[in-house]
PDB file of N, CA and C in Angstrom:
ATOM      1  N   UNK A   1     -31.712 157.203-148.040  1.00  0.00           N
ATOM      2  CA  UNK A   1     -32.176 157.092-146.665  1.00  0.00           C
ATOM      3  C   UNK A   1     -30.986 157.267-145.733  1.00  0.00           C
ATOM      4  N   UNK A   2     -31.106 158.122-144.756  1.00  0.00           N
ATOM      5  CA  UNK A   2     -30.075 158.337-143.782  1.00  0.00           C
ATOM      6  C   UNK A   2     -30.198 157.297-142.687  1.00  0.00           C
ATOM      7  N   UNK A   3     -29.055 156.749-142.282  1.00  0.00           N
ATOM      8  CA  UNK A   3     -29.053 155.747-141.200  1.00  0.00           C
ATOM      9  C   UNK A   3     -28.052 156.160-140.156  1.00  0.00           C
ATOM     10  N   UNK A   4     -28.398 155.942-138.917  1.00  0.00           N
ATOM     11  CA  UNK A   4     -27.497 156.311-137.834  1.00  0.00           C
ATOM     12  C   UNK A   4     -26.708 155.104-137.328  1.00  0.00           C
ATOM     13  N   UNK A   5     -27.037 153.891-137.822  1.00  0.00           N
ATOM     14  CA  UNK A   5     -26.365 152.702-137.348  1.00  0.00           C
ATOM     15  C   UNK A   5     -25.269 152.221-138.272  1.00  0.00           C
ATOM     16  N   UNK A   6     -24.960 152.998-139.308  1.00  0.00           N
ATOM     17  CA  UNK A   6     -23.884 152.634-140.240  1.00  0.00           C
ATOM     18  C   UNK A   6     -22.962 153.853-140.415  1.00  0.00           C
ATOM     19  N   UNK A   7     -21.677 153.582-140.341  1.00  0.00           N
ATOM     20  CA  UNK A   7     -20.695 154.619-140.587  1.00  0.00           C
ATOM     21  C   UNK A   7     -19.743 154.095-141.668  1.00  0.00           C
ATOM     22  N   UNK A   8     -19.883 154.577-142.869  1.00  0.00           N
ATOM     23  CA  UNK A   8     -19.093 154.110-143.990  1.00  0.00           C
ATOM     24  C   UNK A   8     -17.844 154.987-144.148  1.00  0.00           C
ATOM     25  N   UNK A   9     -16.701 154.396-144.021  1.00  0.00           N
ATOM     26  CA  UNK A   9     -15.409 155.098-144.192  1.00  0.00           C
ATOM     27  C   UNK A   9     -14.778 154.650-145.480  1.00  0.00           C
ATOM     28  N   UNK A  10     -14.348 155.599-146.272  1.00  0.00           N
ATOM     29  CA  UNK A  10     -13.748 155.326-147.571  1.00  0.00           C
ATOM     30  C   UNK A  10     -12.315 155.854-147.606  1.00  0.00           C
ATOM     31  N   UNK A  11     -11.449 155.155-148.335  1.00  0.00           N
ATOM     32  CA  UNK A  11     -10.084 155.636-148.484  1.00  0.00           C
ATOM     33  C   UNK A  11      -9.531 155.209-149.822  1.00  0.00           C
ATOM     34  N   UNK A  12      -8.558 155.955-150.298  1.00  0.00           N
ATOM     35  CA  UNK A  12      -7.739 155.603-151.460  1.00  0.00           C
ATOM     36  C   UNK A  12      -6.257 155.673-151.005  1.00  0.00           C
ATOM     37  N   UNK A  13      -5.449 154.905-151.663  1.00  0.00           N
ATOM     38  CA  UNK A  13      -4.036 154.879-151.298  1.00  0.00           C
ATOM     39  C   UNK A  13      -3.352 156.220-151.556  1.00  0.00           C
ATOM     40  N   UNK A  14      -3.699 156.848-152.660  1.00  0.00           N
ATOM     41  CA  UNK A  14      -3.107 158.156-153.008  1.00  0.00           C
ATOM     42  C   UNK A  14      -4.108 158.948-153.848  1.00  0.00           C
ATOM     43  N   UNK A  15      -3.912 160.262-153.882  1.00  0.00           N
ATOM     44  CA  UNK A  15      -4.771 161.127-154.664  1.00  0.00           C
ATOM     45  C   UNK A  15      -3.934 162.226-155.302  1.00  0.00           C
ATOM     46  N   UNK A  16      -3.185 161.886-156.353  1.00  0.00           N
ATOM     47  CA  UNK A  16      -2.284 162.857-156.981  1.00  0.00           C
ATOM     48  C   UNK A  16      -3.049 164.080-157.505  1.00  0.00           C
ATOM     49  N   UNK A  17      -4.294 163.901-157.940  1.00  0.00           N
ATOM     50  CA  UNK A  17      -5.040 165.015-158.487  1.00  0.00           C
ATOM     51  C   UNK A  17      -5.725 165.904-157.474  1.00  0.00           C
ATOM     52  N   UNK A  18      -5.829 165.426-156.231  1.00  0.00           N
ATOM     53  CA  UNK A  18      -6.418 166.223-155.173  1.00  0.00           C
ATOM     54  C   UNK A  18      -7.947 166.294-155.209  1.00  0.00           C
ATOM     55  N   UNK A  19      -8.604 165.396-155.934  1.00  0.00           N
ATOM     56  CA  UNK A  19     -10.068 165.423-156.053  1.00  0.00           C
ATOM     57  C   UNK A  19     -10.778 164.593-154.994  1.00  0.00           C
ATOM     58  N   UNK A  20     -10.097 163.671-154.354  1.00  0.00           N
ATOM     59  CA  UNK A  20     -10.717 162.787-153.372  1.00  0.00           C
ATOM     60  C   UNK A  20     -11.069 163.545-152.108  1.00  0.00           C
ATOM     61  N   UNK A  21     -12.298 163.394-151.635  1.00  0.00           N
ATOM     62  CA  UNK A  21     -12.779 164.155-150.469  1.00  0.00           C
ATOM     63  C   UNK A  21     -12.820 163.328-149.182  1.00  0.00           C
ATOM     64  N   UNK A  22     -12.424 162.072-149.239  1.00  0.00           N
ATOM     65  CA  UNK A  22     -12.437 161.244-148.068  1.00  0.00           C
ATOM     66  C   UNK A  22     -11.010 160.986-147.566  1.00  0.00           C
ATOM     67  N   UNK A  23     -10.833 159.921-146.805  1.00  0.00           N
ATOM     68  CA  UNK A  23      -9.517 159.631-146.280  1.00  0.00           C
ATOM     69  C   UNK A  23      -8.522 159.200-147.359  1.00  0.00           C
ATOM     70  N   UNK A  24      -7.255 159.456-147.115  1.00  0.00           N
ATOM     71  CA  UNK A  24      -6.194 159.024-147.998  1.00  0.00           C
ATOM     72  C   UNK A  24      -5.220 158.219-147.151  1.00  0.00           C
ATOM     73  N   UNK A  25      -4.972 157.000-147.585  1.00  0.00           N
ATOM     74  CA  UNK A  25      -4.040 156.130-146.838  1.00  0.00           C
ATOM     75  C   UNK A  25      -4.427 154.697-147.049  1.00  0.00           C
ATOM     76  N   UNK A  26      -3.616 153.797-146.532  1.00  0.00           N
ATOM     77  CA  UNK A  26      -3.873 152.391-146.644  1.00  0.00           C
ATOM     78  C   UNK A  26      -5.095 151.961-145.792  1.00  0.00           C
ATOM     79  N   UNK A  27      -5.716 150.916-146.193  1.00  0.00           N
ATOM     80  CA  UNK A  27      -6.954 150.463-145.544  1.00  0.00           C
ATOM     81  C   UNK A  27      -6.873 150.338-144.020  1.00  0.00           C
ATOM     82  N   UNK A  28      -5.824 149.755-143.448  1.00  0.00           N
ATOM     83  CA  UNK A  28      -5.788 149.631-141.995  1.00  0.00           C
ATOM     84  C   UNK A  28      -5.846 150.949-141.246  1.00  0.00           C
ATOM     85  N   UNK A  29      -5.491 152.052-141.890  1.00  0.00           N
ATOM     86  CA  UNK A  29      -5.524 153.341-141.210  1.00  0.00           C
ATOM     87  C   UNK A  29      -6.947 153.820-140.888  1.00  0.00           C
ATOM     88  N   UNK A  30      -7.929 153.251-141.574  1.00  0.00           N
ATOM     89  CA  UNK A  30      -9.315 153.628-141.286  1.00  0.00           C
ATOM     90  C   UNK A  30      -9.751 153.227-139.876  1.00  0.00           C
ATOM     91  N   UNK A  31      -9.111 152.252-139.295  1.00  0.00           N
ATOM     92  CA  UNK A  31      -9.464 151.845-137.918  1.00  0.00           C
ATOM     93  C   UNK A  31      -9.194 152.984-136.921  1.00  0.00           C
ATOM     94  N   UNK A  32      -8.314 153.916-137.285  1.00  0.00           N
ATOM     95  CA  UNK A  32      -8.069 155.063-136.423  1.00  0.00           C
ATOM     96  C   UNK A  32      -9.296 155.976-136.322  1.00  0.00           C
ATOM     97  N   UNK A  33     -10.189 155.899-137.265  1.00  0.00           N
ATOM     98  CA  UNK A  33     -11.378 156.748-137.311  1.00  0.00           C
ATOM     99  C   UNK A  33     -12.672 156.040-136.964  1.00  0.00           C
ATOM    100  N   UNK A  34     -12.598 154.734-136.802  1.00  0.00           N
ATOM    101  CA  UNK A  34     -13.815 153.943-136.536  1.00  0.00           C
ATOM    102  C   UNK A  34     -14.002 153.769-135.029  1.00  0.00           C
ATOM    103  N   UNK A  35     -15.221 153.877-134.591  1.00  0.00           N
ATOM    104  CA  UNK A  35     -15.579 153.608-133.194  1.00  0.00           C
ATOM    105  C   UNK A  35     -16.164 152.211-133.152  1.00  0.00           C
ATOM    106  N   UNK A  36     -15.347 151.237-132.693  1.00  0.00           N
ATOM    107  CA  UNK A  36     -15.730 149.844-132.732  1.00  0.00           C
ATOM    108  C   UNK A  36     -15.579 149.213-131.347  1.00  0.00           C
ATOM    109  N   UNK A  37     -16.625 148.506-130.931  1.00  0.00           N
ATOM    110  CA  UNK A  37     -16.533 147.647-129.737  1.00  0.00           C
ATOM    111  C   UNK A  37     -16.312 146.226-130.236  1.00  0.00           C
ATOM    112  N   UNK A  38     -15.083 145.703-130.173  1.00  0.00           N
ATOM    113  CA  UNK A  38     -14.783 144.408-130.738  1.00  0.00           C
ATOM    114  C   UNK A  38     -15.580 143.233-130.145  1.00  0.00           C
ATOM    115  N   UNK A  39     -16.084 143.400-128.980  1.00  0.00           N
ATOM    116  CA  UNK A  39     -16.845 142.320-128.348  1.00  0.00           C
ATOM    117  C   UNK A  39     -18.324 142.329-128.777  1.00  0.00           C
ATOM    118  N   UNK A  40     -18.733 143.404-129.465  1.00  0.00           N
ATOM    119  CA  UNK A  40     -20.126 143.475-129.957  1.00  0.00           C
ATOM    120  C   UNK A  40     -20.187 143.602-131.485  1.00  0.00           C
ATOM    121  N   UNK A  41     -19.034 143.375-132.155  1.00  0.00           N
ATOM    122  CA  UNK A  41     -18.958 143.616-133.576  1.00  0.00           C
ATOM    123  C   UNK A  41     -18.339 142.405-134.289  1.00  0.00           C
ATOM    124  N   UNK A  42     -18.834 142.134-135.476  1.00  0.00           N
ATOM    125  CA  UNK A  42     -18.207 141.169-136.344  1.00  0.00           C
ATOM    126  C   UNK A  42     -17.489 141.925-137.461  1.00  0.00           C
ATOM    127  N   UNK A  43     -16.301 141.470-137.830  1.00  0.00           N
ATOM    128  CA  UNK A  43     -15.570 142.047-138.945  1.00  0.00           C
ATOM    129  C   UNK A  43     -15.677 141.127-140.126  1.00  0.00           C
ATOM    130  N   UNK A  44     -16.165 141.613-141.239  1.00  0.00           N
ATOM    131  CA  UNK A  44     -16.236 140.846-142.491  1.00  0.00           C
ATOM    132  C   UNK A  44     -15.234 141.446-143.475  1.00  0.00           C
ATOM    133  N   UNK A  45     -14.206 140.683-143.822  1.00  0.00           N
ATOM    134  CA  UNK A  45     -13.110 141.195-144.639  1.00  0.00           C
ATOM    135  C   UNK A  45     -13.160 140.537-146.015  1.00  0.00           C
ATOM    136  N   UNK A  46     -13.142 141.349-147.055  1.00  0.00           N
ATOM    137  CA  UNK A  46     -12.979 140.796-148.403  1.00  0.00           C
ATOM    138  C   UNK A  46     -12.039 141.722-149.147  1.00  0.00           C
ATOM    139  N   UNK A  47     -11.334 141.149-150.078  1.00  0.00           N
ATOM    140  CA  UNK A  47     -10.364 141.939-150.865  1.00  0.00           C
ATOM    141  C   UNK A  47      -9.264 141.065-151.321  1.00  0.00           C
ATOM    142  N   UNK A  48      -8.237 141.643-151.888  1.00  0.00           N
ATOM    143  CA  UNK A  48      -7.104 140.846-152.332  1.00  0.00           C
ATOM    144  C   UNK A  48      -6.382 140.233-151.142  1.00  0.00           C
ATOM    145  N   UNK A  49      -5.898 139.003-151.259  1.00  0.00           N
ATOM    146  CA  UNK A  49      -5.269 138.309-150.127  1.00  0.00           C
ATOM    147  C   UNK A  49      -4.094 139.063-149.482  1.00  0.00           C
ATOM    148  N   UNK A  50      -3.396 139.891-150.238  1.00  0.00           N
ATOM    149  CA  UNK A  50      -2.277 140.631-149.681  1.00  0.00           C
ATOM    150  C   UNK A  50      -2.725 141.537-148.546  1.00  0.00           C
ATOM    151  N   UNK A  51      -3.961 141.968-148.539  1.00  0.00           N
ATOM    152  CA  UNK A  51      -4.482 142.883-147.553  1.00  0.00           C
ATOM    153  C   UNK A  51      -4.815 142.122-146.243  1.00  0.00           C
ATOM    154  N   UNK A  52      -5.125 140.849-146.348  1.00  0.00           N
ATOM    155  CA  UNK A  52      -5.632 140.076-145.194  1.00  0.00           C
ATOM    156  C   UNK A  52      -4.711 140.124-143.989  1.00  0.00           C
ATOM    157  N   UNK A  53      -3.428 139.910-144.178  1.00  0.00           N
ATOM    158  CA  UNK A  53      -2.556 139.833-143.008  1.00  0.00           C
ATOM    159  C   UNK A  53      -2.470 141.162-142.274  1.00  0.00           C
ATOM    160  N   UNK A  54      -2.580 142.270-142.977  1.00  0.00           N
ATOM    161  CA  UNK A  54      -2.525 143.571-142.314  1.00  0.00           C
ATOM    162  C   UNK A  54      -3.824 143.886-141.580  1.00  0.00           C
ATOM    163  N   UNK A  55      -4.941 143.562-142.210  1.00  0.00           N
ATOM    164  CA  UNK A  55      -6.244 143.808-141.588  1.00  0.00           C
ATOM    165  C   UNK A  55      -6.443 142.871-140.411  1.00  0.00           C
ATOM    166  N   UNK A  56      -6.082 141.588-140.587  1.00  0.00           N
ATOM    167  CA  UNK A  56      -6.237 140.619-139.504  1.00  0.00           C
ATOM    168  C   UNK A  56      -5.433 141.034-138.301  1.00  0.00           C
ATOM    169  N   UNK A  57      -4.198 141.458-138.492  1.00  0.00           N
ATOM    170  CA  UNK A  57      -3.361 141.861-137.374  1.00  0.00           C
ATOM    171  C   UNK A  57      -3.965 143.073-136.658  1.00  0.00           C
ATOM    172  N   UNK A  58      -4.458 143.999-137.448  1.00  0.00           N
ATOM    173  CA  UNK A  58      -5.040 145.207-136.853  1.00  0.00           C
ATOM    174  C   UNK A  58      -6.294 144.888-136.022  1.00  0.00           C
ATOM    175  N   UNK A  59      -7.123 143.968-136.550  1.00  0.00           N
ATOM    176  CA  UNK A  59      -8.310 143.557-135.823  1.00  0.00           C
ATOM    177  C   UNK A  59      -7.952 142.853-134.528  1.00  0.00           C
ATOM    178  N   UNK A  60      -6.937 141.977-134.546  1.00  0.00           N
ATOM    179  CA  UNK A  60      -6.482 141.302-133.326  1.00  0.00           C
ATOM    180  C   UNK A  60      -5.916 142.335-132.319  1.00  0.00           C
ATOM    181  N   UNK A  61      -5.169 143.307-132.826  1.00  0.00           N
ATOM    182  CA  UNK A  61      -4.640 144.360-131.947  1.00  0.00           C
ATOM    183  C   UNK A  61      -5.743 145.168-131.289  1.00  0.00           C
ATOM    184  N   UNK A  62      -6.857 145.316-131.994  1.00  0.00           N
ATOM    185  CA  UNK A  62      -8.013 146.058-131.431  1.00  0.00           C
ATOM    186  C   UNK A  62      -8.791 145.228-130.427  1.00  0.00           C
ATOM    187  N   UNK A  63      -8.487 143.935-130.319  1.00  0.00           N
ATOM    188  CA  UNK A  63      -9.158 143.084-129.340  1.00  0.00           C
ATOM    189  C   UNK A  63     -10.265 142.243-129.922  1.00  0.00           C
ATOM    190  N   UNK A  64     -10.352 142.108-131.219  1.00  0.00           N
ATOM    191  CA  UNK A  64     -11.376 141.256-131.820  1.00  0.00           C
ATOM    192  C   UNK A  64     -11.064 139.791-131.520  1.00  0.00           C
ATOM    193  N   UNK A  65     -12.051 139.046-130.984  1.00  0.00           N
ATOM    194  CA  UNK A  65     -11.866 137.608-130.872  1.00  0.00           C
ATOM    195  C   UNK A  65     -11.814 136.984-132.275  1.00  0.00           C
ATOM    196  N   UNK A  66     -11.052 135.953-132.449  1.00  0.00           N
ATOM    197  CA  UNK A  66     -10.918 135.340-133.793  1.00  0.00           C
ATOM    198  C   UNK A  66     -12.246 134.850-134.317  1.00  0.00           C
ATOM    199  N   UNK A  67     -13.165 134.438-133.447  1.00  0.00           N
ATOM    200  CA  UNK A  67     -14.454 133.924-133.924  1.00  0.00           C
ATOM    201  C   UNK A  67     -15.390 135.059-134.377  1.00  0.00           C
ATOM    202  N   UNK A  68     -14.954 136.304-134.293  1.00  0.00           N
ATOM    203  CA  UNK A  68     -15.747 137.440-134.762  1.00  0.00           C
ATOM    204  C   UNK A  68     -15.127 138.073-136.020  1.00  0.00           C
ATOM    205  N   UNK A  69     -14.161 137.377-136.599  1.00  0.00           N
ATOM    206  CA  UNK A  69     -13.500 137.875-137.819  1.00  0.00           C
ATOM    207  C   UNK A  69     -13.837 136.886-138.963  1.00  0.00           C
ATOM    208  N   UNK A  70     -14.533 137.392-139.970  1.00  0.00           N
ATOM    209  CA  UNK A  70     -14.922 136.554-141.112  1.00  0.00           C
ATOM    210  C   UNK A  70     -14.149 137.056-142.315  1.00  0.00           C
ATOM    211  N   UNK A  71     -13.504 136.108-143.020  1.00  0.00           N
ATOM    212  CA  UNK A  71     -12.678 136.489-144.161  1.00  0.00           C
ATOM    213  C   UNK A  71     -13.148 135.761-145.405  1.00  0.00           C
ATOM    214  N   UNK A  72     -13.179 136.450-146.515  1.00  0.00           N
ATOM    215  CA  UNK A  72     -13.626 135.901-147.796  1.00  0.00           C
ATOM    216  C   UNK A  72     -12.578 134.941-148.364  1.00  0.00           C
ATOM    217  N   UNK A  73     -13.027 134.022-149.214  1.00  0.00           N
ATOM    218  CA  UNK A  73     -12.126 133.107-149.884  1.00  0.00           C
ATOM    219  C   UNK A  73     -11.710 133.624-151.260  1.00  0.00           C
ATOM    220  N   UNK A  74     -12.186 134.811-151.635  1.00  0.00           N
ATOM    221  CA  UNK A  74     -11.957 135.346-152.957  1.00  0.00           C
ATOM    222  C   UNK A  74     -10.470 135.563-153.220  1.00  0.00           C
ATOM    223  N   UNK A  75      -9.961 134.995-154.289  1.00  0.00           N
ATOM    224  CA  UNK A  75      -8.533 135.116-154.600  1.00  0.00           C
ATOM    225  C   UNK A  75      -8.273 135.950-155.857  1.00  0.00           C
ATOM    226  N   UNK A  76      -9.257 136.141-156.687  1.00  0.00           N
ATOM    227  CA  UNK A  76      -9.045 136.937-157.912  1.00  0.00           C
ATOM    228  C   UNK A  76     -10.027 138.096-157.918  1.00  0.00           C
ATOM    229  N   UNK A  77      -9.914 138.954-156.954  1.00  0.00           N
ATOM    230  CA  UNK A  77     -10.872 140.023-156.805  1.00  0.00           C
ATOM    231  C   UNK A  77     -10.882 140.945-158.023  1.00  0.00           C
ATOM    232  N   UNK A  78     -12.046 141.279-158.478  1.00  0.00           N
ATOM    233  CA  UNK A  78     -12.238 142.223-159.570  1.00  0.00           C
ATOM    234  C   UNK A  78     -13.093 143.395-159.090  1.00  0.00           C
ATOM    235  N   UNK A  79     -14.390 143.140-158.949  1.00  0.00           N
ATOM    236  CA  UNK A  79     -15.304 144.249-158.639  1.00  0.00           C
ATOM    237  C   UNK A  79     -15.451 144.494-157.126  1.00  0.00           C
ATOM    238  N   UNK A  80     -15.249 143.487-156.301  1.00  0.00           N
ATOM    239  CA  UNK A  80     -15.363 143.672-154.853  1.00  0.00           C
ATOM    240  C   UNK A  80     -16.764 143.569-154.290  1.00  0.00           C
ATOM    241  N   UNK A  81     -17.772 143.402-155.154  1.00  0.00           N
ATOM    242  CA  UNK A  81     -19.162 143.335-154.669  1.00  0.00           C
ATOM    243  C   UNK A  81     -19.938 142.156-155.239  1.00  0.00           C
ATOM    244  N   UNK A  82     -19.294 141.257-155.953  1.00  0.00           N
ATOM    245  CA  UNK A  82     -19.989 140.044-156.433  1.00  0.00           C
ATOM    246  C   UNK A  82     -20.648 140.142-157.787  1.00  0.00           C
ATOM    247  N   UNK A  83     -20.487 141.258-158.494  1.00  0.00           N
ATOM    248  CA  UNK A  83     -21.150 141.392-159.800  1.00  0.00           C
ATOM    249  C   UNK A  83     -20.374 140.741-160.932  1.00  0.00           C
ATOM    250  N   UNK A  84     -19.071 140.735-160.863  1.00  0.00           N
ATOM    251  CA  UNK A  84     -18.267 140.230-161.988  1.00  0.00           C
ATOM    252  C   UNK A  84     -18.185 138.694-161.996  1.00  0.00           C
ATOM    253  N   UNK A  85     -18.461 138.057-160.859  1.00  0.00           N
ATOM    254  CA  UNK A  85     -18.478 136.588-160.802  1.00  0.00           C
ATOM    255  C   UNK A  85     -17.137 135.949-160.475  1.00  0.00           C
ATOM    256  N   UNK A  86     -16.073 136.718-160.333  1.00  0.00           N
ATOM    257  CA  UNK A  86     -14.780 136.142-160.005  1.00  0.00           C
ATOM    258  C   UNK A  86     -14.768 135.477-158.619  1.00  0.00           C
ATOM    259  N   UNK A  87     -15.685 135.866-157.767  1.00  0.00           N
ATOM    260  CA  UNK A  87     -15.750 135.355-156.424  1.00  0.00           C
ATOM    261  C   UNK A  87     -16.656 134.119-156.316  1.00  0.00           C
ATOM    262  N   UNK A  88     -17.203 133.646-157.433  1.00  0.00           N
ATOM    263  CA  UNK A  88     -18.122 132.502-157.355  1.00  0.00           C
ATOM    264  C   UNK A  88     -17.381 131.184-157.517  1.00  0.00           C
ATOM    265  N   UNK A  89     -17.805 130.235-156.703  1.00  0.00           N
ATOM    266  CA  UNK A  89     -17.334 128.843-156.833  1.00  0.00           C
ATOM    267  C   UNK A  89     -18.606 128.056-157.074  1.00  0.00           C
ATOM    268  N   UNK A  90     -18.793 127.644-158.323  1.00  0.00           N
ATOM    269  CA  UNK A  90     -20.084 127.028-158.665  1.00  0.00           C
ATOM    270  C   UNK A  90     -21.164 128.063-158.577  1.00  0.00           C
ATOM    271  N   UNK A  91     -22.169 127.819-157.761  1.00  0.00           N
ATOM    272  CA  UNK A  91     -23.282 128.754-157.563  1.00  0.00           C
ATOM    273  C   UNK A  91     -23.180 129.537-156.269  1.00  0.00           C
ATOM    274  N   UNK A  92     -22.062 129.399-155.544  1.00  0.00           N
ATOM    275  CA  UNK A  92     -21.862 130.106-154.287  1.00  0.00           C
ATOM    276  C   UNK A  92     -20.857 131.233-154.439  1.00  0.00           C
ATOM    277  N   UNK A  93     -21.135 132.329-153.786  1.00  0.00           N
ATOM    278  CA  UNK A  93     -20.210 133.469-153.769  1.00  0.00           C
ATOM    279  C   UNK A  93     -19.340 133.378-152.517  1.00  0.00           C
ATOM    280  N   UNK A  94     -18.041 133.599-152.707  1.00  0.00           N
ATOM    281  CA  UNK A  94     -17.138 133.550-151.572  1.00  0.00           C
ATOM    282  C   UNK A  94     -16.723 134.933-151.159  1.00  0.00           C
TER     283      UNK A  94
END
């Protein structure tokens, strides 16, 4: 199903083989391609903790209020979507 209200941007850090057809670069660089109104948008961030400080700073630089930035508690990221269970604390997913 095609949707006009979602714009999914994908990136990889490097593509030595040249097969990747989307963006190449670190995650914060995707903000250069996103059209975001920080006062009408919530940012939900999940991933390895090392990424948080870079994404958080970029969101603040873009004008996101702190109460519109949601960050995951996941510390041992594996799959990134909740299937492997590393993000669960008891019966709750973080």
